[in-house]
Amino acid sequence: MSYHKVKQELFTGSIHSRFDIVDVPFQVILSKAWQEGLENVVIIYDSACRFKVNAHARCVANPCSPLEEKFKSRLKPGSGFIKYFVNAFHQYSHNAECADHHSLRNSANTGMVTGEEIETSWAILNHLQYSIREMDSGARIDMITLHMLQINEDKNKKLGRQFRNF
């Protein structure tokens, strides 16, 4: 997609369609959390600042939305039930006002996280991409699993050494 097309979609609001694939799983998780009594939810997402804009409209327009009717209004920006943040790595690609408004670093009740913890584990496996790209999905999953098991074993060995230093 060209820069001008993205810029046009950002300003016309039609970019919401790229979030459709995450809407239903997102709403399933929210529905379960809210049914169990959780009131406040913190969302950390690379483009949460854009995701929140039409989250309510997409939910209401989706006839298959798993979110109960009584919870749909909670998706409206400013409702107080959801706080949207951009993770620390992606924050620098946003304009200054957006980065400040959606920053995890200056927000209460969020702790000190980057929001990329799950992705950092994949960095160790980047070198595998060249040897597994020709494999079928089963062999690829087996190879990644073997490497992850080795990484976990190595972490466990190092963990013992780290605790001896205390």
C-alpha atoms as a PDB file:
ATOM      1  CA  MET A   1       0.000   0.000   0.000  1.00  0.00           C
ATOM      2  CA  SER A   2       1.423   3.391  -0.925  1.00  0.00           C
ATOM      3  CA  TYR A   3       2.146   6.169   1.554  1.00  0.00           C
ATOM      4  CA  HIS A   4      -0.552   8.377  -0.006  1.00  0.00           C
ATOM      5  CA  LYS A   5      -3.162   5.595   0.213  1.00  0.00           C
ATOM      6  CA  VAL A   6      -2.382   5.030   3.921  1.00  0.00           C
ATOM      7  CA  LYS A   7      -2.478   8.777   4.587  1.00  0.00           C
ATOM      8  CA  GLN A   8      -5.842   9.062   2.803  1.00  0.00           C
ATOM      9  CA  GLU A   9      -7.305   6.116   4.763  1.00  0.00           C
ATOM     10  CA  LEU A  10      -6.071   7.532   8.053  1.00  0.00           C
ATOM     11  CA  PHE A  11      -7.924  10.775   7.466  1.00  0.00           C
ATOM     12  CA  THR A  12     -11.104   9.322   5.965  1.00  0.00           C
ATOM     13  CA  GLY A  13     -11.477   6.686   8.671  1.00  0.00           C
ATOM     14  CA  SER A  14     -11.628   3.747   6.263  1.00  0.00           C
ATOM     15  CA  ILE A  15      -8.469   2.214   7.731  1.00  0.00           C
ATOM     16  CA  HIS A  16     -10.598   0.454  10.354  1.00  0.00           C
ATOM     17  CA  SER A  17     -10.960  -2.581   8.061  1.00  0.00           C
ATOM     18  CA  ARG A  18      -7.401  -3.662   8.814  1.00  0.00           C
ATOM     19  CA  PHE A  19      -8.440  -4.234  12.434  1.00  0.00           C
ATOM     20  CA  ASP A  20     -11.375  -6.497  11.573  1.00  0.00           C
ATOM     21  CA  ILE A  21      -9.258  -9.629  12.034  1.00  0.00           C
ATOM     22  CA  VAL A  22      -8.454  -8.753  15.657  1.00  0.00           C
ATOM     23  CA  ASP A  23     -11.869  -7.415  16.642  1.00  0.00           C
ATOM     24  CA  VAL A  24     -13.645 -10.695  17.423  1.00  0.00           C
ATOM     25  CA  PRO A  25     -10.817 -12.304  19.471  1.00  0.00           C
ATOM     26  CA  PHE A  26     -10.386  -8.970  21.260  1.00  0.00           C
ATOM     27  CA  GLN A  27     -14.109  -8.818  22.037  1.00  0.00           C
ATOM     28  CA  VAL A  28     -14.158 -12.443  23.266  1.00  0.00           C
ATOM     29  CA  ILE A  29     -11.405 -11.653  25.781  1.00  0.00           C
ATOM     30  CA  LEU A  30     -13.092  -8.423  26.886  1.00  0.00           C
ATOM     31  CA  SER A  31     -16.454 -10.136  27.265  1.00  0.00           C
ATOM     32  CA  LYS A  32     -14.990 -12.844  29.479  1.00  0.00           C
ATOM     33  CA  ALA A  33     -13.039 -10.331  31.575  1.00  0.00           C
ATOM     34  CA  TRP A  34     -16.044  -8.058  32.071  1.00  0.00           C
ATOM     35  CA  GLN A  35     -18.371 -10.976  32.858  1.00  0.00           C
ATOM     36  CA  GLU A  36     -15.927 -12.018  35.593  1.00  0.00           C
ATOM     37  CA  GLY A  37     -16.130  -8.541  37.107  1.00  0.00           C
ATOM     38  CA  LEU A  38     -12.932  -6.907  35.837  1.00  0.00           C
ATOM     39  CA  GLU A  39     -13.725  -3.232  35.347  1.00  0.00           C
ATOM     40  CA  ASN A  40     -10.581  -1.629  33.917  1.00  0.00           C
ATOM     41  CA  VAL A  41      -8.588  -3.043  31.003  1.00  0.00           C
ATOM     42  CA  VAL A  42      -5.229  -1.877  29.673  1.00  0.00           C
ATOM     43  CA  ILE A  43      -4.595  -2.531  25.963  1.00  0.00           C
ATOM     44  CA  ILE A  44      -1.012  -2.379  24.690  1.00  0.00           C
ATOM     45  CA  TYR A  45      -0.930  -2.548  20.902  1.00  0.00           C
ATOM     46  CA  ASP A  46       1.388  -1.187  18.194  1.00  0.00           C
ATOM     47  CA  SER A  47      -1.352   1.027  16.799  1.00  0.00           C
ATOM     48  CA  ALA A  48      -3.771   1.248  19.719  1.00  0.00           C
ATOM     49  CA  CYS A  49      -4.199   4.958  19.052  1.00  0.00           C
ATOM     50  CA  ARG A  50      -5.862   4.108  15.712  1.00  0.00           C
ATOM     51  CA  PHE A  51      -7.521   0.884  16.888  1.00  0.00           C
ATOM     52  CA  LYS A  52      -9.581   2.643  19.553  1.00  0.00           C
ATOM     53  CA  VAL A  53     -11.039   5.228  17.177  1.00  0.00           C
ATOM     54  CA  ASN A  54     -13.566   2.903  15.534  1.00  0.00           C
ATOM     55  CA  ALA A  55     -13.535  -0.065  17.954  1.00  0.00           C
ATOM     56  CA  HIS A  56     -17.058   0.704  19.141  1.00  0.00           C
ATOM     57  CA  ALA A  57     -18.451   1.324  15.636  1.00  0.00           C
ATOM     58  CA  ARG A  58     -16.903  -1.909  14.306  1.00  0.00           C
ATOM     59  CA  CYS A  59     -18.332  -3.850  17.251  1.00  0.00           C
ATOM     60  CA  VAL A  60     -21.849  -2.461  16.822  1.00  0.00           C
ATOM     61  CA  ALA A  61     -21.745  -3.014  13.046  1.00  0.00           C
ATOM     62  CA  ASN A  62     -20.647  -6.650  13.401  1.00  0.00           C
ATOM     63  CA  PRO A  63     -23.715  -8.905  13.632  1.00  0.00           C
ATOM     64  CA  CYS A  64     -21.495 -11.730  14.944  1.00  0.00           C
ATOM     65  CA  SER A  65     -19.914  -9.694  17.736  1.00  0.00           C
ATOM     66  CA  PRO A  66     -19.428 -11.891  20.819  1.00  0.00           C
ATOM     67  CA  LEU A  67     -19.608  -8.858  23.111  1.00  0.00           C
ATOM     68  CA  GLU A  68     -22.823  -8.590  25.113  1.00  0.00           C
ATOM     69  CA  GLU A  69     -24.964  -5.540  24.396  1.00  0.00           C
ATOM     70  CA  LYS A  70     -24.452  -4.129  27.905  1.00  0.00           C
ATOM     71  CA  PHE A  71     -20.653  -4.057  27.364  1.00  0.00           C
ATOM     72  CA  LYS A  72     -20.511  -2.505  23.869  1.00  0.00           C
ATOM     73  CA  SER A  73     -20.622   1.096  25.127  1.00  0.00           C
ATOM     74  CA  ARG A  74     -17.437   0.402  27.091  1.00  0.00           C
ATOM     75  CA  LEU A  75     -15.526   0.363  23.791  1.00  0.00           C
ATOM     76  CA  LYS A  76     -16.171   4.066  23.213  1.00  0.00           C
ATOM     77  CA  PRO A  77     -13.010   6.170  23.623  1.00  0.00           C
ATOM     78  CA  GLY A  78     -13.138   8.024  26.916  1.00  0.00           C
ATOM     79  CA  SER A  79     -15.580   5.597  28.548  1.00  0.00           C
ATOM     80  CA  GLY A  80     -13.034   4.937  31.285  1.00  0.00           C
ATOM     81  CA  PHE A  81     -13.199   1.151  31.021  1.00  0.00           C
ATOM     82  CA  ILE A  82     -10.293   0.706  28.589  1.00  0.00           C
ATOM     83  CA  LYS A  83      -6.945   2.484  28.472  1.00  0.00           C
ATOM     84  CA  TYR A  84      -5.151   2.222  25.145  1.00  0.00           C
ATOM     85  CA  PHE A  85      -1.356   2.414  24.992  1.00  0.00           C
ATOM     86  CA  VAL A  86       1.294   2.065  22.302  1.00  0.00           C
ATOM     87  CA  ASN A  87       4.262  -0.089  23.282  1.00  0.00           C
ATOM     88  CA  ALA A  88       7.598   1.589  23.874  1.00  0.00           C
ATOM     89  CA  PHE A  89       9.288   0.434  20.649  1.00  0.00           C
ATOM     90  CA  HIS A  90       6.506   1.618  18.353  1.00  0.00           C
ATOM     91  CA  GLN A  91       5.846   4.821  20.290  1.00  0.00           C
ATOM     92  CA  TYR A  92       8.739   6.581  18.554  1.00  0.00           C
ATOM     93  CA  SER A  93       7.151   6.104  15.138  1.00  0.00           C
ATOM     94  CA  HIS A  94       4.087   8.106  16.236  1.00  0.00           C
ATOM     95  CA  ASN A  95       3.901  11.875  16.256  1.00  0.00           C
ATOM     96  CA  ALA A  96       4.878  13.552  19.530  1.00  0.00           C
ATOM     97  CA  GLU A  97       1.341  14.277  20.728  1.00  0.00           C
ATOM     98  CA  CYS A  98       0.183  10.711  20.078  1.00  0.00           C
ATOM     99  CA  ALA A  99       3.337   9.226  21.609  1.00  0.00           C
ATOM    100  CA  ASP A 100       2.891  11.267  24.791  1.00  0.00           C
ATOM    101  CA  HIS A 101      -0.827  10.565  25.093  1.00  0.00           C
ATOM    102  CA  HIS A 102      -0.448   6.791  24.556  1.00  0.00           C
ATOM    103  CA  SER A 103       2.847   6.318  26.402  1.00  0.00           C
ATOM    104  CA  LEU A 104       3.154   3.533  28.965  1.00  0.00           C
ATOM    105  CA  ARG A 105       5.927   5.371  30.765  1.00  0.00           C
ATOM    106  CA  ASN A 106       3.791   8.195  32.097  1.00  0.00           C
ATOM    107  CA  SER A 107       0.699   6.173  32.921  1.00  0.00           C
ATOM    108  CA  ALA A 108      -0.619   5.128  36.296  1.00  0.00           C
ATOM    109  CA  ASN A 109      -1.265   1.461  37.092  1.00  0.00           C
ATOM    110  CA  THR A 110       0.707   0.022  34.178  1.00  0.00           C
ATOM    111  CA  GLY A 111       4.071  -0.869  35.702  1.00  0.00           C
ATOM    112  CA  MET A 112       7.315  -0.732  33.773  1.00  0.00           C
ATOM    113  CA  VAL A 113       6.802  -2.754  30.592  1.00  0.00           C
ATOM    114  CA  THR A 114       7.754  -2.208  26.981  1.00  0.00           C
ATOM    115  CA  GLY A 115       4.786  -4.057  25.533  1.00  0.00           C
ATOM    116  CA  GLU A 116       7.063  -6.141  23.300  1.00  0.00           C
ATOM    117  CA  GLU A 117       7.994  -8.908  25.733  1.00  0.00           C
ATOM    118  CA  ILE A 118       6.503 -11.677  23.598  1.00  0.00           C
ATOM    119  CA  GLU A 119       8.305 -10.493  20.469  1.00  0.00           C
ATOM    120  CA  THR A 120      11.762 -10.333  22.057  1.00  0.00           C
ATOM    121  CA  SER A 121      11.833 -14.110  22.434  1.00  0.00           C
ATOM    122  CA  TRP A 122      11.428 -14.447  18.684  1.00  0.00           C
ATOM    123  CA  ALA A 123      14.558 -12.363  18.042  1.00  0.00           C
ATOM    124  CA  ILE A 124      16.660 -15.312  19.187  1.00  0.00           C
ATOM    125  CA  LEU A 125      15.078 -17.441  16.468  1.00  0.00           C
ATOM    126  CA  ASN A 126      15.518 -15.019  13.558  1.00  0.00           C
ATOM    127  CA  HIS A 127      18.463 -16.982  12.182  1.00  0.00           C
ATOM    128  CA  LEU A 128      16.191 -20.006  11.640  1.00  0.00           C
ATOM    129  CA  GLN A 129      14.174 -18.310   8.927  1.00  0.00           C
ATOM    130  CA  TYR A 130      16.668 -19.277   6.218  1.00  0.00           C
ATOM    131  CA  SER A 131      16.745 -22.979   7.071  1.00  0.00           C
ATOM    132  CA  ILE A 132      13.025 -23.501   7.710  1.00  0.00           C
ATOM    133  CA  ARG A 133      11.371 -21.484   4.969  1.00  0.00           C
ATOM    134  CA  GLU A 134      11.323 -24.453   2.556  1.00  0.00           C
ATOM    135  CA  MET A 135       9.875 -26.869   5.151  1.00  0.00           C
ATOM    136  CA  ASP A 136       6.251 -27.848   5.382  1.00  0.00           C
ATOM    137  CA  SER A 137       4.323 -26.502   8.369  1.00  0.00           C
ATOM    138  CA  GLY A 138       4.760 -29.647  10.508  1.00  0.00           C
ATOM    139  CA  ALA A 139       8.533 -29.756  10.103  1.00  0.00           C
ATOM    140  CA  ARG A 140       8.750 -25.999  10.677  1.00  0.00           C
ATOM    141  CA  ILE A 141       6.792 -26.259  13.939  1.00  0.00           C
ATOM    142  CA  ASP A 142       8.964 -29.182  15.081  1.00  0.00           C
ATOM    143  CA  MET A 143      12.173 -27.262  14.355  1.00  0.00           C
ATOM    144  CA  ILE A 144      10.987 -24.116  16.158  1.00  0.00           C
ATOM    145  CA  THR A 145       9.839 -26.249  19.104  1.00  0.00           C
ATOM    146  CA  LEU A 146      13.252 -27.920  19.356  1.00  0.00           C
ATOM    147  CA  HIS A 147      14.999 -24.567  19.361  1.00  0.00           C
ATOM    148  CA  MET A 148      12.606 -23.131  21.962  1.00  0.00           C
ATOM    149  CA  LEU A 149      13.191 -26.174  24.195  1.00  0.00           C
ATOM    150  CA  GLN A 150      16.955 -25.626  23.905  1.00  0.00           C
ATOM    151  CA  ILE A 151      16.558 -21.925  24.712  1.00  0.00           C
ATOM    152  CA  ASN A 152      14.503 -22.783  27.810  1.00  0.00           C
ATOM    153  CA  GLU A 153      17.077 -25.353  28.931  1.00  0.00           C
ATOM    154  CA  ASP A 154      19.845 -22.770  28.522  1.00  0.00           C
ATOM    155  CA  LYS A 155      17.820 -20.232  30.533  1.00  0.00           C
ATOM    156  CA  ASN A 156      17.310 -22.751  33.336  1.00  0.00           C
ATOM    157  CA  LYS A 157      21.049 -23.436  33.525  1.00  0.00           C
ATOM    158  CA  LYS A 158      21.847 -19.716  33.663  1.00  0.00           C
ATOM    159  CA  LEU A 159      19.104 -19.120  36.229  1.00  0.00           C
ATOM    160  CA  GLY A 160      20.864 -21.369  38.742  1.00  0.00           C
ATOM    161  CA  ARG A 161      24.086 -19.389  38.356  1.00  0.00           C
ATOM    162  CA  GLN A 162      22.243 -16.113  38.792  1.00  0.00           C
ATOM    163  CA  PHE A 163      20.618 -17.204  42.060  1.00  0.00           C
ATOM    164  CA  ARG A 164      23.997 -18.199  43.532  1.00  0.00           C
ATOM    165  CA  ASN A 165      25.036 -14.548  43.300  1.00  0.00           C
ATOM    166  CA  PHE A 166      22.373 -13.431  45.794  1.00  0.00           C
END
